[in-house]
């Protein structure tokens, strides 16, 4: 199984990530009321810079950390577009840890564990870089700014 084999929820229903087969992906658990929320600017900049070369950012809202993503799918989408001019895909809210963790996130955590091999995601804006074959190659901490990922993205394109 690879990342693009998963089906995920959108505001409109379900969608297969197979639409992104062959692309380099940056998968991020996002939140609208987080201290890291301004990273939407950097994520969008990466998407616009590298998108034409086969790169995309996929945002998955998550309310598991400090209840920092309280809205419904429509409110989240509106916030992202009006506040940060986000044009990359934002999906329906997911859980990234625990018994109800989304299967995509279980796959990402197993393929790119955190510090000392930990599987749990510690906070919003944890980022997973996935290569063109659909395999996670690296996990980045929430404190890692999107612009710091440019060299790693370039290497995979």
C-alpha atoms as a PDB file:
ATOM      1  CA  UNK A   1       0.000   0.000   0.000  1.00  0.00           C
ATOM      2  CA  UNK A   2       1.153   3.545  -0.796  1.00  0.00           C
ATOM      3  CA  UNK A   3      -0.216   6.996   0.075  1.00  0.00           C
ATOM      4  CA  UNK A   4      -2.111   7.391  -3.186  1.00  0.00           C
ATOM      5  CA  UNK A   5      -4.032   4.146  -2.542  1.00  0.00           C
ATOM      6  CA  UNK A   6      -6.047   5.805   0.231  1.00  0.00           C
ATOM      7  CA  UNK A   7      -9.508   7.293  -0.008  1.00  0.00           C
ATOM      8  CA  UNK A   8     -10.069  10.409   2.106  1.00  0.00           C
ATOM      9  CA  UNK A   9     -13.046  12.542   3.030  1.00  0.00           C
ATOM     10  CA  UNK A  10     -13.742  15.963   1.556  1.00  0.00           C
ATOM     11  CA  UNK A  11     -16.532  18.417   2.291  1.00  0.00           C
ATOM     12  CA  UNK A  12     -18.385  16.890  -0.675  1.00  0.00           C
ATOM     13  CA  UNK A  13     -17.814  13.213   0.141  1.00  0.00           C
ATOM     14  CA  UNK A  14     -14.980  10.788  -0.488  1.00  0.00           C
ATOM     15  CA  UNK A  15     -12.076  11.165  -2.888  1.00  0.00           C
ATOM     16  CA  UNK A  16      -9.250   8.856  -3.867  1.00  0.00           C
ATOM     17  CA  UNK A  17      -5.717  10.171  -3.518  1.00  0.00           C
ATOM     18  CA  UNK A  18      -4.952   8.288  -6.740  1.00  0.00           C
ATOM     19  CA  UNK A  19      -5.571  11.691  -8.399  1.00  0.00           C
ATOM     20  CA  UNK A  20      -2.114  12.551  -7.042  1.00  0.00           C
ATOM     21  CA  UNK A  21      -0.302   9.390  -8.218  1.00  0.00           C
ATOM     22  CA  UNK A  22       3.176  10.214  -9.471  1.00  0.00           C
ATOM     23  CA  UNK A  23       3.357  13.517  -7.598  1.00  0.00           C
ATOM     24  CA  UNK A  24       5.556  14.557  -4.698  1.00  0.00           C
ATOM     25  CA  UNK A  25       3.206  15.277  -1.787  1.00  0.00           C
ATOM     26  CA  UNK A  26       3.469  17.287   1.391  1.00  0.00           C
ATOM     27  CA  UNK A  27       0.738  16.083   3.739  1.00  0.00           C
ATOM     28  CA  UNK A  28       0.055  18.371   6.697  1.00  0.00           C
ATOM     29  CA  UNK A  29      -2.374  18.271   9.624  1.00  0.00           C
ATOM     30  CA  UNK A  30      -3.579  21.873   9.778  1.00  0.00           C
ATOM     31  CA  UNK A  31      -5.562  24.041  12.190  1.00  0.00           C
ATOM     32  CA  UNK A  32      -7.080  27.504  11.909  1.00  0.00           C
ATOM     33  CA  UNK A  33      -6.528  28.703  15.476  1.00  0.00           C
ATOM     34  CA  UNK A  34      -2.941  27.565  16.033  1.00  0.00           C
ATOM     35  CA  UNK A  35       0.231  29.560  16.557  1.00  0.00           C
ATOM     36  CA  UNK A  36       1.561  27.796  13.441  1.00  0.00           C
ATOM     37  CA  UNK A  37      -1.449  28.754  11.281  1.00  0.00           C
ATOM     38  CA  UNK A  38       0.573  31.451   9.450  1.00  0.00           C
ATOM     39  CA  UNK A  39       2.501  28.537   7.893  1.00  0.00           C
ATOM     40  CA  UNK A  40      -0.369  28.447   5.384  1.00  0.00           C
ATOM     41  CA  UNK A  41       1.528  31.274   3.636  1.00  0.00           C
ATOM     42  CA  UNK A  42       4.655  29.162   3.210  1.00  0.00           C
ATOM     43  CA  UNK A  43       2.716  26.031   2.276  1.00  0.00           C
ATOM     44  CA  UNK A  44       0.855  27.929  -0.438  1.00  0.00           C
ATOM     45  CA  UNK A  45       4.130  29.410  -1.705  1.00  0.00           C
ATOM     46  CA  UNK A  46       5.629  25.914  -2.037  1.00  0.00           C
ATOM     47  CA  UNK A  47       2.496  24.709  -3.819  1.00  0.00           C
ATOM     48  CA  UNK A  48       2.610  27.576  -6.304  1.00  0.00           C
ATOM     49  CA  UNK A  49       6.363  27.276  -6.874  1.00  0.00           C
ATOM     50  CA  UNK A  50       6.601  23.520  -7.335  1.00  0.00           C
ATOM     51  CA  UNK A  51       3.066  22.596  -8.422  1.00  0.00           C
ATOM     52  CA  UNK A  52       3.852  22.855 -12.136  1.00  0.00           C
ATOM     53  CA  UNK A  53       6.651  20.306 -11.608  1.00  0.00           C
ATOM     54  CA  UNK A  54       4.417  17.644 -10.023  1.00  0.00           C
ATOM     55  CA  UNK A  55       4.171  18.700  -6.375  1.00  0.00           C
ATOM     56  CA  UNK A  56       1.137  19.290  -4.216  1.00  0.00           C
ATOM     57  CA  UNK A  57       0.283  20.096  -0.620  1.00  0.00           C
ATOM     58  CA  UNK A  58      -2.609  18.238   0.989  1.00  0.00           C
ATOM     59  CA  UNK A  59      -4.093  19.820   4.120  1.00  0.00           C
ATOM     60  CA  UNK A  60      -5.976  17.741   6.667  1.00  0.00           C
ATOM     61  CA  UNK A  61      -7.680  19.802   9.376  1.00  0.00           C
ATOM     62  CA  UNK A  62      -7.373  18.269  12.841  1.00  0.00           C
ATOM     63  CA  UNK A  63      -8.994  19.319  16.111  1.00  0.00           C
ATOM     64  CA  UNK A  64      -7.021  16.960  18.388  1.00  0.00           C
ATOM     65  CA  UNK A  65      -4.507  19.508  19.638  1.00  0.00           C
ATOM     66  CA  UNK A  66      -5.918  22.216  21.874  1.00  0.00           C
ATOM     67  CA  UNK A  67      -9.253  22.180  19.972  1.00  0.00           C
ATOM     68  CA  UNK A  68      -7.637  24.569  17.480  1.00  0.00           C
ATOM     69  CA  UNK A  69      -9.762  23.510  14.503  1.00  0.00           C
ATOM     70  CA  UNK A  70     -13.346  23.924  15.759  1.00  0.00           C
ATOM     71  CA  UNK A  71     -15.133  24.708  12.479  1.00  0.00           C
ATOM     72  CA  UNK A  72     -16.916  22.479  10.020  1.00  0.00           C
ATOM     73  CA  UNK A  73     -15.538  21.762   6.540  1.00  0.00           C
ATOM     74  CA  UNK A  74     -17.177  24.811   4.949  1.00  0.00           C
ATOM     75  CA  UNK A  75     -15.923  27.181   7.670  1.00  0.00           C
ATOM     76  CA  UNK A  76     -12.399  25.759   7.420  1.00  0.00           C
ATOM     77  CA  UNK A  77     -12.323  26.060   3.631  1.00  0.00           C
ATOM     78  CA  UNK A  78     -13.626  29.629   3.811  1.00  0.00           C
ATOM     79  CA  UNK A  79     -11.007  30.565   6.426  1.00  0.00           C
ATOM     80  CA  UNK A  80      -8.173  29.096   4.348  1.00  0.00           C
ATOM     81  CA  UNK A  81      -9.159  30.879   1.149  1.00  0.00           C
ATOM     82  CA  UNK A  82     -10.114  34.245   2.618  1.00  0.00           C
ATOM     83  CA  UNK A  83      -7.360  34.516   5.240  1.00  0.00           C
ATOM     84  CA  UNK A  84      -4.437  32.883   3.413  1.00  0.00           C
ATOM     85  CA  UNK A  85      -5.476  32.554  -0.259  1.00  0.00           C
ATOM     86  CA  UNK A  86      -4.980  28.784  -0.042  1.00  0.00           C
ATOM     87  CA  UNK A  87      -5.506  27.003  -3.353  1.00  0.00           C
ATOM     88  CA  UNK A  88      -4.111  23.556  -2.459  1.00  0.00           C
ATOM     89  CA  UNK A  89      -6.612  20.855  -1.418  1.00  0.00           C
ATOM     90  CA  UNK A  90      -8.041  21.025   2.098  1.00  0.00           C
ATOM     91  CA  UNK A  91      -9.867  17.867   3.121  1.00  0.00           C
ATOM     92  CA  UNK A  92     -12.428  17.065   5.813  1.00  0.00           C
ATOM     93  CA  UNK A  93     -11.363  17.042   9.445  1.00  0.00           C
ATOM     94  CA  UNK A  94      -9.455  13.940  10.567  1.00  0.00           C
ATOM     95  CA  UNK A  95      -7.950  12.478  13.691  1.00  0.00           C
ATOM     96  CA  UNK A  96      -4.245  11.739  13.411  1.00  0.00           C
ATOM     97  CA  UNK A  97      -3.707   9.889  16.706  1.00  0.00           C
ATOM     98  CA  UNK A  98      -5.647   7.371  18.748  1.00  0.00           C
ATOM     99  CA  UNK A  99      -8.196   4.669  17.975  1.00  0.00           C
ATOM    100  CA  UNK A 100      -9.949   6.808  15.340  1.00  0.00           C
ATOM    101  CA  UNK A 101      -6.803   7.939  13.517  1.00  0.00           C
ATOM    102  CA  UNK A 102      -7.304   8.180   9.780  1.00  0.00           C
ATOM    103  CA  UNK A 103      -5.715   5.194   7.973  1.00  0.00           C
ATOM    104  CA  UNK A 104      -3.627   7.544   5.817  1.00  0.00           C
ATOM    105  CA  UNK A 105      -2.054   8.985   8.956  1.00  0.00           C
ATOM    106  CA  UNK A 106      -1.410   5.522  10.383  1.00  0.00           C
ATOM    107  CA  UNK A 107       0.468   4.754   7.157  1.00  0.00           C
ATOM    108  CA  UNK A 108       2.438   8.013   7.240  1.00  0.00           C
ATOM    109  CA  UNK A 109       3.406   7.618  10.906  1.00  0.00           C
ATOM    110  CA  UNK A 110       4.624   4.053  10.322  1.00  0.00           C
ATOM    111  CA  UNK A 111       6.625   5.046   7.241  1.00  0.00           C
ATOM    112  CA  UNK A 112       8.191   8.191   8.696  1.00  0.00           C
ATOM    113  CA  UNK A 113       8.340   7.938  12.480  1.00  0.00           C
ATOM    114  CA  UNK A 114       9.231  10.886  14.646  1.00  0.00           C
ATOM    115  CA  UNK A 115      12.119  11.488  17.008  1.00  0.00           C
ATOM    116  CA  UNK A 116      13.372   8.278  18.627  1.00  0.00           C
ATOM    117  CA  UNK A 117      10.952   6.278  16.477  1.00  0.00           C
ATOM    118  CA  UNK A 118       7.801   7.722  18.024  1.00  0.00           C
ATOM    119  CA  UNK A 119       4.642   7.253  16.004  1.00  0.00           C
ATOM    120  CA  UNK A 120       2.382   9.845  17.665  1.00  0.00           C
ATOM    121  CA  UNK A 121       1.978  13.242  16.095  1.00  0.00           C
ATOM    122  CA  UNK A 122       2.754  15.882  18.698  1.00  0.00           C
ATOM    123  CA  UNK A 123       0.936  18.956  17.337  1.00  0.00           C
ATOM    124  CA  UNK A 124      -0.681  20.728  14.385  1.00  0.00           C
ATOM    125  CA  UNK A 125       1.376  21.386  11.249  1.00  0.00           C
ATOM    126  CA  UNK A 126       3.375  18.170  11.402  1.00  0.00           C
ATOM    127  CA  UNK A 127       4.442  17.619   7.801  1.00  0.00           C
ATOM    128  CA  UNK A 128       5.079  14.412   5.841  1.00  0.00           C
ATOM    129  CA  UNK A 129       6.982  14.484   2.563  1.00  0.00           C
ATOM    130  CA  UNK A 130       5.936  11.680   0.205  1.00  0.00           C
ATOM    131  CA  UNK A 131       7.903  10.749  -2.915  1.00  0.00           C
ATOM    132  CA  UNK A 132       6.521  10.110  -6.408  1.00  0.00           C
ATOM    133  CA  UNK A 133       6.094   6.403  -5.619  1.00  0.00           C
ATOM    134  CA  UNK A 134       3.695   7.254  -2.769  1.00  0.00           C
ATOM    135  CA  UNK A 135       6.068   6.419   0.067  1.00  0.00           C
ATOM    136  CA  UNK A 136       6.728   8.751   3.003  1.00  0.00           C
ATOM    137  CA  UNK A 137      10.367   9.803   3.076  1.00  0.00           C
ATOM    138  CA  UNK A 138      10.496  12.328   5.901  1.00  0.00           C
ATOM    139  CA  UNK A 139       8.519  13.823   8.781  1.00  0.00           C
ATOM    140  CA  UNK A 140       8.990  17.440   9.847  1.00  0.00           C
ATOM    141  CA  UNK A 141       8.133  18.981  13.190  1.00  0.00           C
ATOM    142  CA  UNK A 142       5.492  21.713  13.434  1.00  0.00           C
ATOM    143  CA  UNK A 143       8.280  24.218  14.110  1.00  0.00           C
ATOM    144  CA  UNK A 144       9.890  23.471  10.726  1.00  0.00           C
ATOM    145  CA  UNK A 145       8.917  26.315   8.422  1.00  0.00           C
ATOM    146  CA  UNK A 146       7.637  25.315   4.981  1.00  0.00           C
ATOM    147  CA  UNK A 147      10.403  27.252   3.217  1.00  0.00           C
ATOM    148  CA  UNK A 148      12.956  25.019   4.971  1.00  0.00           C
ATOM    149  CA  UNK A 149      11.613  22.048   2.954  1.00  0.00           C
ATOM    150  CA  UNK A 150      12.479  23.472  -0.480  1.00  0.00           C
ATOM    151  CA  UNK A 151      15.754  21.550  -0.916  1.00  0.00           C
ATOM    152  CA  UNK A 152      14.122  18.238   0.060  1.00  0.00           C
ATOM    153  CA  UNK A 153      11.229  18.868  -2.337  1.00  0.00           C
ATOM    154  CA  UNK A 154      13.640  19.797  -5.129  1.00  0.00           C
ATOM    155  CA  UNK A 155      15.545  16.550  -4.569  1.00  0.00           C
ATOM    156  CA  UNK A 156      12.378  14.510  -5.144  1.00  0.00           C
ATOM    157  CA  UNK A 157      11.128  16.384  -8.208  1.00  0.00           C
END
